[in-house]
Amino acid sequence: MPEVTRIGDSTTGTCDKGLPCCPHGRSGTNGTGRPRFRAGGKLLHCLSDTGATNCPHGGTYESVQGSEKVRVDGLPVTLVGHGTLCKSCGEVGSHSSGWGKMRIAK
């Protein structure tokens, strides 16, 4: 079962804005979460929450997948492996780290 994701957990993906340096890898860090629920002291990250990418072009990604079984504040909880979408270039990525003490069946 995959781990839940929280503020501070990581994502990976691709950036391709059609520039000479593209395409290339990108990573990011979950930046928003649900204020009414914490896992290991950190806010839980859910569908439509966002985070910053460390791509050379900057940018923000949005979480576009979530658990079919667990919701917080009406939003599906994101798990390691769930998709992200760069709001700058439209390329996809995924959550790559989470909290090992809380796992949820997809």
PDB file of N, CA and C in Angstrom:
ATOM      1  N   MET A   1       0.843  -1.182   0.000  1.00  0.00           N
ATOM      2  CA  MET A   1       0.000   0.000   0.000  1.00  0.00           C
ATOM      3  C   MET A   1       0.887   1.244   0.000  1.00  0.00           C
ATOM      4  N   PRO A   2       0.536   2.229  -0.819  1.00  0.00           N
ATOM      5  CA  PRO A   2       1.345   3.450  -0.905  1.00  0.00           C
ATOM      6  C   PRO A   2       1.211   4.343   0.328  1.00  0.00           C
ATOM      7  N   GLU A   3       2.248   5.127   0.554  1.00  0.00           N
ATOM      8  CA  GLU A   3       2.284   6.076   1.665  1.00  0.00           C
ATOM      9  C   GLU A   3       1.460   7.318   1.341  1.00  0.00           C
ATOM     10  N   VAL A   4       0.890   7.948   2.383  1.00  0.00           N
ATOM     11  CA  VAL A   4       0.219   9.240   2.203  1.00  0.00           C
ATOM     12  C   VAL A   4       1.280  10.310   1.989  1.00  0.00           C
ATOM     13  N   THR A   5       0.892  11.404   1.337  1.00  0.00           N
ATOM     14  CA  THR A   5       1.822  12.518   1.126  1.00  0.00           C
ATOM     15  C   THR A   5       1.396  13.705   1.980  1.00  0.00           C
ATOM     16  N   ARG A   6       2.405  14.483   2.389  1.00  0.00           N
ATOM     17  CA  ARG A   6       2.188  15.605   3.295  1.00  0.00           C
ATOM     18  C   ARG A   6       2.980  16.807   2.812  1.00  0.00           C
ATOM     19  N   ILE A   7       2.775  17.947   3.443  1.00  0.00           N
ATOM     20  CA  ILE A   7       3.605  19.120   3.161  1.00  0.00           C
ATOM     21  C   ILE A   7       5.060  18.730   3.385  1.00  0.00           C
ATOM     22  N   GLY A   8       5.914  19.117   2.450  1.00  0.00           N
ATOM     23  CA  GLY A   8       7.336  18.828   2.549  1.00  0.00           C
ATOM     24  C   GLY A   8       7.767  17.565   1.837  1.00  0.00           C
ATOM     25  N   ASP A   9       6.816  16.684   1.476  1.00  0.00           N
ATOM     26  CA  ASP A   9       7.172  15.484   0.723  1.00  0.00           C
ATOM     27  C   ASP A   9       7.439  15.852  -0.736  1.00  0.00           C
ATOM     28  N   SER A  10       8.066  14.934  -1.479  1.00  0.00           N
ATOM     29  CA  SER A  10       8.627  15.248  -2.799  1.00  0.00           C
ATOM     30  C   SER A  10       7.809  14.734  -3.975  1.00  0.00           C
ATOM     31  N   THR A  11       8.044  15.385  -5.113  1.00  0.00           N
ATOM     32  CA  THR A  11       7.505  14.941  -6.398  1.00  0.00           C
ATOM     33  C   THR A  11       8.636  14.934  -7.426  1.00  0.00           C
ATOM     34  N   THR A  12       8.432  14.189  -8.509  1.00  0.00           N
ATOM     35  CA  THR A  12       9.359  14.202  -9.643  1.00  0.00           C
ATOM     36  C   THR A  12       8.536  14.287 -10.913  1.00  0.00           C
ATOM     37  N   GLY A  13       9.149  14.756 -11.977  1.00  0.00           N
ATOM     38  CA  GLY A  13       8.444  14.860 -13.247  1.00  0.00           C
ATOM     39  C   GLY A  13       9.347  15.388 -14.332  1.00  0.00           C
ATOM     40  N   THR A  14       8.731  15.883 -15.392  1.00  0.00           N
ATOM     41  CA  THR A  14       9.428  16.414 -16.555  1.00  0.00           C
ATOM     42  C   THR A  14       8.962  17.836 -16.802  1.00  0.00           C
ATOM     43  N   CYS A  15       9.878  18.674 -17.277  1.00  0.00           N
ATOM     44  CA  CYS A  15       9.547  20.027 -17.711  1.00  0.00           C
ATOM     45  C   CYS A  15       9.878  20.128 -19.194  1.00  0.00           C
ATOM     46  N   ASP A  16       8.965  20.663 -19.969  1.00  0.00           N
ATOM     47  CA  ASP A  16       9.241  20.885 -21.388  1.00  0.00           C
ATOM     48  C   ASP A  16       8.456  22.092 -21.876  1.00  0.00           C
ATOM     49  N   LYS A  17       9.119  23.239 -21.849  1.00  0.00           N
ATOM     50  CA  LYS A  17       8.512  24.473 -22.345  1.00  0.00           C
ATOM     51  C   LYS A  17       8.945  24.760 -23.778  1.00  0.00           C
ATOM     52  N   GLY A  18       9.623  23.779 -24.407  1.00  0.00           N
ATOM     53  CA  GLY A  18      10.082  23.974 -25.773  1.00  0.00           C
ATOM     54  C   GLY A  18      11.332  24.829 -25.875  1.00  0.00           C
ATOM     55  N   LEU A  19      11.997  25.058 -24.774  1.00  0.00           N
ATOM     56  CA  LEU A  19      13.222  25.857 -24.764  1.00  0.00           C
ATOM     57  C   LEU A  19      14.432  24.973 -25.059  1.00  0.00           C
ATOM     58  N   PRO A  20      15.577  25.567 -25.398  1.00  0.00           N
ATOM     59  CA  PRO A  20      16.757  24.765 -25.727  1.00  0.00           C
ATOM     60  C   PRO A  20      17.174  23.783 -24.626  1.00  0.00           C
ATOM     61  N   CYS A  21      16.930  24.110 -23.370  1.00  0.00           N
ATOM     62  CA  CYS A  21      17.328  23.223 -22.271  1.00  0.00           C
ATOM     63  C   CYS A  21      16.316  22.103 -22.012  1.00  0.00           C
ATOM     64  N   CYS A  22      15.176  22.151 -22.650  1.00  0.00           N
ATOM     65  CA  CYS A  22      14.092  21.196 -22.412  1.00  0.00           C
ATOM     66  C   CYS A  22      14.172  20.036 -23.405  1.00  0.00           C
ATOM     67  N   PRO A  23      13.582  18.903 -23.117  1.00  0.00           N
ATOM     68  CA  PRO A  23      12.971  18.565 -21.832  1.00  0.00           C
ATOM     69  C   PRO A  23      14.034  18.180 -20.813  1.00  0.00           C
ATOM     70  N   HIS A  24      13.678  18.304 -19.561  1.00  0.00           N
ATOM     71  CA  HIS A  24      14.567  17.909 -18.470  1.00  0.00           C
ATOM     72  C   HIS A  24      13.725  17.531 -17.261  1.00  0.00           C
ATOM     73  N   GLY A  25      14.361  16.903 -16.290  1.00  0.00           N
ATOM     74  CA  GLY A  25      13.657  16.502 -15.080  1.00  0.00           C
ATOM     75  C   GLY A  25      13.311  17.692 -14.209  1.00  0.00           C
ATOM     76  N   ARG A  26      12.318  17.486 -13.378  1.00  0.00           N
ATOM     77  CA  ARG A  26      11.961  18.482 -12.373  1.00  0.00           C
ATOM     78  C   ARG A  26      11.620  17.739 -11.091  1.00  0.00           C
ATOM     79  N   SER A  27      11.818  18.397  -9.990  1.00  0.00           N
ATOM     80  CA  SER A  27      11.350  17.867  -8.716  1.00  0.00           C
ATOM     81  C   SER A  27      10.606  18.991  -8.014  1.00  0.00           C
ATOM     82  N   GLY A  28       9.863  18.634  -7.008  1.00  0.00           N
ATOM     83  CA  GLY A  28       9.098  19.642  -6.294  1.00  0.00           C
ATOM     84  C   GLY A  28       8.823  19.217  -4.872  1.00  0.00           C
ATOM     85  N   THR A  29       8.222  20.120  -4.127  1.00  0.00           N
ATOM     86  CA  THR A  29       7.908  19.883  -2.722  1.00  0.00           C
ATOM     87  C   THR A  29       6.467  20.300  -2.458  1.00  0.00           C
ATOM     88  N   ASN A  30       5.690  19.394  -1.858  1.00  0.00           N
ATOM     89  CA  ASN A  30       4.307  19.718  -1.510  1.00  0.00           C
ATOM     90  C   ASN A  30       4.276  20.953  -0.622  1.00  0.00           C
ATOM     91  N   GLY A  31       3.475  21.935  -1.018  1.00  0.00           N
ATOM     92  CA  GLY A  31       3.439  23.197  -0.293  1.00  0.00           C
ATOM     93  C   GLY A  31       2.134  23.506   0.410  1.00  0.00           C
ATOM     94  N   THR A  32       1.044  22.863   0.006  1.00  0.00           N
ATOM     95  CA  THR A  32      -0.244  23.126   0.650  1.00  0.00           C
ATOM     96  C   THR A  32      -0.826  21.823   1.168  1.00  0.00           C
ATOM     97  N   GLY A  33      -1.704  21.937   2.153  1.00  0.00           N
ATOM     98  CA  GLY A  33      -2.321  20.757   2.748  1.00  0.00           C
ATOM     99  C   GLY A  33      -3.597  21.129   3.483  1.00  0.00           C
ATOM    100  N   ARG A  34      -4.218  20.124   4.046  1.00  0.00           N
ATOM    101  CA  ARG A  34      -5.493  20.299   4.744  1.00  0.00           C
ATOM    102  C   ARG A  34      -5.240  20.706   6.191  1.00  0.00           C
ATOM    103  N   PRO A  35      -5.712  21.878   6.608  1.00  0.00           N
ATOM    104  CA  PRO A  35      -5.409  22.383   7.946  1.00  0.00           C
ATOM    105  C   PRO A  35      -6.054  21.592   9.084  1.00  0.00           C
ATOM    106  N   ARG A  36      -7.057  20.778   8.791  1.00  0.00           N
ATOM    107  CA  ARG A  36      -7.741  20.062   9.873  1.00  0.00           C
ATOM    108  C   ARG A  36      -7.208  18.651  10.097  1.00  0.00           C
ATOM    109  N   PHE A  37      -6.170  18.242   9.358  1.00  0.00           N
ATOM    110  CA  PHE A  37      -5.657  16.885   9.548  1.00  0.00           C
ATOM    111  C   PHE A  37      -4.144  16.863   9.390  1.00  0.00           C
ATOM    112  N   ARG A  38      -3.477  16.238  10.344  1.00  0.00           N
ATOM    113  CA  ARG A  38      -2.018  16.109  10.305  1.00  0.00           C
ATOM    114  C   ARG A  38      -1.634  14.637  10.359  1.00  0.00           C
ATOM    115  N   ALA A  39      -0.533  14.331   9.706  1.00  0.00           N
ATOM    116  CA  ALA A  39       0.055  12.993   9.750  1.00  0.00           C
ATOM    117  C   ALA A  39       1.515  13.184  10.142  1.00  0.00           C
ATOM    118  N   GLY A  40       1.904  12.670  11.291  1.00  0.00           N
ATOM    119  CA  GLY A  40       3.267  12.876  11.759  1.00  0.00           C
ATOM    120  C   GLY A  40       3.597  14.337  11.985  1.00  0.00           C
ATOM    121  N   GLY A  41       2.595  15.134  12.361  1.00  0.00           N
ATOM    122  CA  GLY A  41       2.809  16.547  12.643  1.00  0.00           C
ATOM    123  C   GLY A  41       2.778  17.463  11.432  1.00  0.00           C
ATOM    124  N   LYS A  42       2.586  16.906  10.239  1.00  0.00           N
ATOM    125  CA  LYS A  42       2.556  17.723   9.016  1.00  0.00           C
ATOM    126  C   LYS A  42       1.181  17.639   8.362  1.00  0.00           C
ATOM    127  N   LEU A  43       0.770  18.733   7.704  1.00  0.00           N
ATOM    128  CA  LEU A  43      -0.525  18.757   7.031  1.00  0.00           C
ATOM    129  C   LEU A  43      -0.560  17.734   5.905  1.00  0.00           C
ATOM    130  N   LEU A  44      -1.693  17.051   5.780  1.00  0.00           N
ATOM    131  CA  LEU A  44      -1.886  16.060   4.732  1.00  0.00           C
ATOM    132  C   LEU A  44      -2.150  16.754   3.397  1.00  0.00           C
ATOM    133  N   HIS A  45      -1.552  16.254   2.332  1.00  0.00           N
ATOM    134  CA  HIS A  45      -1.674  16.810   0.979  1.00  0.00           C
ATOM    135  C   HIS A  45      -2.798  16.060   0.257  1.00  0.00           C
ATOM    136  N   CYS A  46      -3.659  16.774  -0.462  1.00  0.00           N
ATOM    137  CA  CYS A  46      -4.820  16.170  -1.117  1.00  0.00           C
ATOM    138  C   CYS A  46      -4.938  16.617  -2.573  1.00  0.00           C
ATOM    139  N   LEU A  47      -5.891  16.021  -3.267  1.00  0.00           N
ATOM    140  CA  LEU A  47      -6.201  16.388  -4.647  1.00  0.00           C
ATOM    141  C   LEU A  47      -6.390  17.898  -4.745  1.00  0.00           C
ATOM    142  N   SER A  48      -5.811  18.509  -5.741  1.00  0.00           N
ATOM    143  CA  SER A  48      -5.854  19.944  -6.059  1.00  0.00           C
ATOM    144  C   SER A  48      -4.914  20.788  -5.198  1.00  0.00           C
ATOM    145  N   ASP A  49      -4.264  20.198  -4.189  1.00  0.00           N
ATOM    146  CA  ASP A  49      -3.235  20.942  -3.461  1.00  0.00           C
ATOM    147  C   ASP A  49      -2.045  21.155  -4.390  1.00  0.00           C
ATOM    148  N   THR A  50      -1.176  22.095  -4.051  1.00  0.00           N
ATOM    149  CA  THR A  50      -0.089  22.494  -4.944  1.00  0.00           C
ATOM    150  C   THR A  50       1.263  22.482  -4.238  1.00  0.00           C
ATOM    151  N   GLY A  51       2.297  22.690  -5.046  1.00  0.00           N
ATOM    152  CA  GLY A  51       3.649  22.806  -4.523  1.00  0.00           C
ATOM    153  C   GLY A  51       4.549  23.454  -5.553  1.00  0.00           C
ATOM    154  N   ALA A  52       5.690  23.908  -5.095  1.00  0.00           N
ATOM    155  CA  ALA A  52       6.658  24.563  -5.982  1.00  0.00           C
ATOM    156  C   ALA A  52       7.565  23.534  -6.642  1.00  0.00           C
ATOM    157  N   THR A  53       7.929  23.802  -7.906  1.00  0.00           N
ATOM    158  CA  THR A  53       8.920  22.968  -8.584  1.00  0.00           C
ATOM    159  C   THR A  53      10.275  23.657  -8.507  1.00  0.00           C
ATOM    160  N   ASN A  54      11.334  22.871  -8.606  1.00  0.00           N
ATOM    161  CA  ASN A  54      12.663  23.479  -8.610  1.00  0.00           C
ATOM    162  C   ASN A  54      13.267  23.453 -10.005  1.00  0.00           C
ATOM    163  N   CYS A  55      12.421  23.385 -11.009  1.00  0.00           N
ATOM    164  CA  CYS A  55      12.842  23.453 -12.407  1.00  0.00           C
ATOM    165  C   CYS A  55      13.528  24.807 -12.641  1.00  0.00           C
ATOM    166  N   PRO A  56      14.465  24.896 -13.586  1.00  0.00           N
ATOM    167  CA  PRO A  56      15.135  26.175 -13.842  1.00  0.00           C
ATOM    168  C   PRO A  56      14.170  27.311 -14.196  1.00  0.00           C
ATOM    169  N   HIS A  57      12.975  26.963 -14.660  1.00  0.00           N
ATOM    170  CA  HIS A  57      11.993  27.971 -15.073  1.00  0.00           C
ATOM    171  C   HIS A  57      11.047  28.342 -13.940  1.00  0.00           C
ATOM    172  N   GLY A  58      11.187  27.687 -12.779  1.00  0.00           N
ATOM    173  CA  GLY A  58      10.257  27.915 -11.686  1.00  0.00           C
ATOM    174  C   GLY A  58       8.924  27.266 -11.996  1.00  0.00           C
ATOM    175  N   GLY A  59       7.937  27.539 -11.222  1.00  0.00           N
ATOM    176  CA  GLY A  59       6.615  27.016 -11.506  1.00  0.00           C
ATOM    177  C   GLY A  59       5.983  26.338 -10.312  1.00  0.00           C
ATOM    178  N   THR A  60       4.758  25.913 -10.537  1.00  0.00           N
ATOM    179  CA  THR A  60       3.944  25.257  -9.527  1.00  0.00           C
ATOM    180  C   THR A  60       3.301  24.036 -10.153  1.00  0.00           C
ATOM    181  N   TYR A  61       3.159  22.982  -9.373  1.00  0.00           N
ATOM    182  CA  TYR A  61       2.412  21.822  -9.844  1.00  0.00           C
ATOM    183  C   TYR A  61       1.152  21.681  -8.997  1.00  0.00           C
ATOM    184  N   GLU A  62       0.190  20.956  -9.538  1.00  0.00           N
ATOM    185  CA  GLU A  62      -1.052  20.647  -8.835  1.00  0.00           C
ATOM    186  C   GLU A  62      -1.195  19.136  -8.774  1.00  0.00           C
ATOM    187  N   SER A  63      -1.664  18.622  -7.652  1.00  0.00           N
ATOM    188  CA  SER A  63      -1.927  17.191  -7.529  1.00  0.00           C
ATOM    189  C   SER A  63      -3.228  16.879  -8.253  1.00  0.00           C
ATOM    190  N   VAL A  64      -3.175  15.901  -9.173  1.00  0.00           N
ATOM    191  CA  VAL A  64      -4.324  15.615 -10.032  1.00  0.00           C
ATOM    192  C   VAL A  64      -4.909  14.220  -9.810  1.00  0.00           C
ATOM    193  N   GLN A  65      -4.398  13.483  -8.834  1.00  0.00           N
ATOM    194  CA  GLN A  65      -4.956  12.179  -8.480  1.00  0.00           C
ATOM    195  C   GLN A  65      -5.052  12.086  -6.971  1.00  0.00           C
ATOM    196  N   GLY A  66      -5.980  11.262  -6.493  1.00  0.00           N
ATOM    197  CA  GLY A  66      -6.120  11.049  -5.064  1.00  0.00           C
ATOM    198  C   GLY A  66      -6.763   9.709  -4.778  1.00  0.00           C
ATOM    199  N   SER A  67      -6.742   9.316  -3.525  1.00  0.00           N
ATOM    200  CA  SER A  67      -7.281   8.035  -3.090  1.00  0.00           C
ATOM    201  C   SER A  67      -8.782   7.950  -3.363  1.00  0.00           C
ATOM    202  N   GLU A  68      -9.212   6.780  -3.812  1.00  0.00           N
ATOM    203  CA  GLU A  68     -10.646   6.557  -4.007  1.00  0.00           C
ATOM    204  C   GLU A  68     -11.331   6.211  -2.691  1.00  0.00           C
ATOM    205  N   LYS A  69     -10.533   5.921  -1.650  1.00  0.00           N
ATOM    206  CA  LYS A  69     -11.101   5.428  -0.402  1.00  0.00           C
ATOM    207  C   LYS A  69     -11.047   6.403   0.764  1.00  0.00           C
ATOM    208  N   VAL A  70     -10.079   7.330   0.756  1.00  0.00           N
ATOM    209  CA  VAL A  70      -9.900   8.212   1.913  1.00  0.00           C
ATOM    210  C   VAL A  70      -9.940   9.673   1.473  1.00  0.00           C
ATOM    211  N   ARG A  71     -10.777  10.449   2.167  1.00  0.00           N
ATOM    212  CA  ARG A  71     -10.913  11.881   1.882  1.00  0.00           C
ATOM    213  C   ARG A  71     -10.716  12.678   3.164  1.00  0.00           C
ATOM    214  N   VAL A  72     -10.196  13.884   2.999  1.00  0.00           N
ATOM    215  CA  VAL A  72     -10.070  14.835   4.101  1.00  0.00           C
ATOM    216  C   VAL A  72     -10.685  16.139   3.609  1.00  0.00           C
ATOM    217  N   ASP A  73     -11.609  16.691   4.374  1.00  0.00           N
ATOM    218  CA  ASP A  73     -12.332  17.901   3.955  1.00  0.00           C
ATOM    219  C   ASP A  73     -12.962  17.714   2.579  1.00  0.00           C
ATOM    220  N   GLY A  74     -13.408  16.501   2.279  1.00  0.00           N
ATOM    221  CA  GLY A  74     -14.069  16.200   1.014  1.00  0.00           C
ATOM    222  C   GLY A  74     -13.142  15.956  -0.159  1.00  0.00           C
ATOM    223  N   LEU A  75     -11.830  16.064   0.054  1.00  0.00           N
ATOM    224  CA  LEU A  75     -10.861  15.882  -1.033  1.00  0.00           C
ATOM    225  C   LEU A  75     -10.105  14.570  -0.873  1.00  0.00           C
ATOM    226  N   PRO A  76      -9.891  13.829  -1.970  1.00  0.00           N
ATOM    227  CA  PRO A  76      -9.116  12.595  -1.895  1.00  0.00           C
ATOM    228  C   PRO A  76      -7.673  12.870  -1.466  1.00  0.00           C
ATOM    229  N   VAL A  77      -7.162  12.050  -0.563  1.00  0.00           N
ATOM    230  CA  VAL A  77      -5.783  12.139  -0.087  1.00  0.00           C
ATOM    231  C   VAL A  77      -4.849  11.660  -1.201  1.00  0.00           C
ATOM    232  N   THR A  78      -3.726  12.361  -1.402  1.00  0.00           N
ATOM    233  CA  THR A  78      -2.754  11.920  -2.409  1.00  0.00           C
ATOM    234  C   THR A  78      -1.788  10.917  -1.795  1.00  0.00           C
ATOM    235  N   LEU A  79      -1.366   9.972  -2.638  1.00  0.00           N
ATOM    236  CA  LEU A  79      -0.471   8.898  -2.229  1.00  0.00           C
ATOM    237  C   LEU A  79       0.762   8.895  -3.117  1.00  0.00           C
ATOM    238  N   VAL A  80       1.843   8.278  -2.637  1.00  0.00           N
ATOM    239  CA  VAL A  80       3.036   8.119  -3.464  1.00  0.00           C
ATOM    240  C   VAL A  80       2.628   7.401  -4.753  1.00  0.00           C
ATOM    241  N   GLY A  81       3.047   7.931  -5.879  1.00  0.00           N
ATOM    242  CA  GLY A  81       2.692   7.389  -7.187  1.00  0.00           C
ATOM    243  C   GLY A  81       1.561   8.134  -7.871  1.00  0.00           C
ATOM    244  N   HIS A  82       0.771   8.890  -7.117  1.00  0.00           N
ATOM    245  CA  HIS A  82      -0.310   9.664  -7.727  1.00  0.00           C
ATOM    246  C   HIS A  82       0.259  10.816  -8.546  1.00  0.00           C
ATOM    247  N   GLY A  83      -0.511  11.241  -9.550  1.00  0.00           N
ATOM    248  CA  GLY A  83      -0.042  12.204 -10.529  1.00  0.00           C
ATOM    249  C   GLY A  83      -0.059  13.654 -10.090  1.00  0.00           C
ATOM    250  N   THR A  84       0.867  14.408 -10.712  1.00  0.00           N
ATOM    251  CA  THR A  84       0.929  15.860 -10.581  1.00  0.00           C
ATOM    252  C   THR A  84       0.959  16.451 -11.987  1.00  0.00           C
ATOM    253  N   LEU A  85       0.616  17.710 -12.109  1.00  0.00           N
ATOM    254  CA  LEU A  85       0.622  18.401 -13.394  1.00  0.00           C
ATOM    255  C   LEU A  85       1.269  19.764 -13.214  1.00  0.00           C
ATOM    256  N   CYS A  86       2.323  20.029 -14.002  1.00  0.00           N
ATOM    257  CA  CYS A  86       2.989  21.329 -13.943  1.00  0.00           C
ATOM    258  C   CYS A  86       2.053  22.381 -14.527  1.00  0.00           C
ATOM    259  N   LYS A  87       1.778  23.432 -13.771  1.00  0.00           N
ATOM    260  CA  LYS A  87       0.872  24.477 -14.232  1.00  0.00           C
ATOM    261  C   LYS A  87       1.546  25.435 -15.209  1.00  0.00           C
ATOM    262  N   SER A  88       2.867  25.305 -15.360  1.00  0.00           N
ATOM    263  CA  SER A  88       3.605  26.166 -16.271  1.00  0.00           C
ATOM    264  C   SER A  88       3.723  25.558 -17.667  1.00  0.00           C
ATOM    265  N   CYS A  89       4.062  24.248 -17.728  1.00  0.00           N
ATOM    266  CA  CYS A  89       4.291  23.631 -19.042  1.00  0.00           C
ATOM    267  C   CYS A  89       3.295  22.528 -19.377  1.00  0.00           C
ATOM    268  N   GLY A  90       2.515  22.063 -18.399  1.00  0.00           N
ATOM    269  CA  GLY A  90       1.510  21.043 -18.659  1.00  0.00           C
ATOM    270  C   GLY A  90       2.014  19.610 -18.630  1.00  0.00           C
ATOM    271  N   GLU A  91       3.292  19.403 -18.305  1.00  0.00           N
ATOM    272  CA  GLU A  91       3.837  18.044 -18.242  1.00  0.00           C
ATOM    273  C   GLU A  91       3.440  17.380 -16.923  1.00  0.00           C
ATOM    274  N   VAL A  92       3.402  16.047 -16.948  1.00  0.00           N
ATOM    275  CA  VAL A  92       2.989  15.286 -15.777  1.00  0.00           C
ATOM    276  C   VAL A  92       4.184  14.871 -14.926  1.00  0.00           C
ATOM    277  N   GLY A  93       3.896  14.533 -13.699  1.00  0.00           N
ATOM    278  CA  GLY A  93       4.869  14.001 -12.758  1.00  0.00           C
ATOM    279  C   GLY A  93       4.128  13.150 -11.749  1.00  0.00           C
ATOM    280  N   SER A  94       4.798  12.813 -10.648  1.00  0.00           N
ATOM    281  CA  SER A  94       4.142  12.012  -9.620  1.00  0.00           C
ATOM    282  C   SER A  94       4.769  12.267  -8.253  1.00  0.00           C
ATOM    283  N   HIS A  95       4.010  11.909  -7.236  1.00  0.00           N
ATOM    284  CA  HIS A  95       4.505  12.004  -5.865  1.00  0.00           C
ATOM    285  C   HIS A  95       5.522  10.890  -5.648  1.00  0.00           C
ATOM    286  N   SER A  96       6.688  11.252  -5.106  1.00  0.00           N
ATOM    287  CA  SER A  96       7.772  10.278  -4.973  1.00  0.00           C
ATOM    288  C   SER A  96       8.160   9.959  -3.530  1.00  0.00           C
ATOM    289  N   SER A  97       7.697  10.735  -2.562  1.00  0.00           N
ATOM    290  CA  SER A  97       7.960  10.400  -1.161  1.00  0.00           C
ATOM    291  C   SER A  97       6.723  10.691  -0.326  1.00  0.00           C
ATOM    292  N   GLY A  98       6.614   9.980   0.792  1.00  0.00           N
ATOM    293  CA  GLY A  98       5.478  10.145   1.680  1.00  0.00           C
ATOM    294  C   GLY A  98       5.836   9.732   3.091  1.00  0.00           C
ATOM    295  N   TRP A  99       4.810   9.548   3.921  1.00  0.00           N
ATOM    296  CA  TRP A  99       5.011   9.188   5.321  1.00  0.00           C
ATOM    297  C   TRP A  99       4.794   7.694   5.475  1.00  0.00           C
ATOM    298  N   GLY A 100       5.853   6.970   5.802  1.00  0.00           N
ATOM    299  CA  GLY A 100       5.823   5.518   5.873  1.00  0.00           C
ATOM    300  C   GLY A 100       4.955   4.933   6.969  1.00  0.00           C
ATOM    301  N   LYS A 101       4.542   5.745   7.936  1.00  0.00           N
ATOM    302  CA  LYS A 101       3.728   5.224   9.031  1.00  0.00           C
ATOM    303  C   LYS A 101       2.238   5.240   8.722  1.00  0.00           C
ATOM    304  N   MET A 102       1.860   5.780   7.551  1.00  0.00           N
ATOM    305  CA  MET A 102       0.451   5.778   7.164  1.00  0.00           C
ATOM    306  C   MET A 102       0.356   5.387   5.697  1.00  0.00           C
ATOM    307  N   ARG A 103      -0.201   4.222   5.458  1.00  0.00           N
ATOM    308  CA  ARG A 103      -0.356   3.712   4.093  1.00  0.00           C
ATOM    309  C   ARG A 103      -1.836   3.453   3.839  1.00  0.00           C
ATOM    310  N   ILE A 104      -2.259   3.683   2.599  1.00  0.00           N
ATOM    311  CA  ILE A 104      -3.666   3.534   2.237  1.00  0.00           C
ATOM    312  C   ILE A 104      -3.742   2.737   0.944  1.00  0.00           C
ATOM    313  N   ALA A 105      -4.652   1.781   0.889  1.00  0.00           N
ATOM    314  CA  ALA A 105      -4.874   1.051  -0.356  1.00  0.00           C
ATOM    315  C   ALA A 105      -5.431   2.012  -1.390  1.00  0.00           C
ATOM    316  N   LYS A 106      -4.943   1.892  -2.627  1.00  0.00           N
ATOM    317  CA  LYS A 106      -5.413   2.788  -3.690  1.00  0.00           C
ATOM    318  C   LYS A 106      -6.874   2.556  -3.934  1.00  0.00           C
TER     319      LYS A 106
END
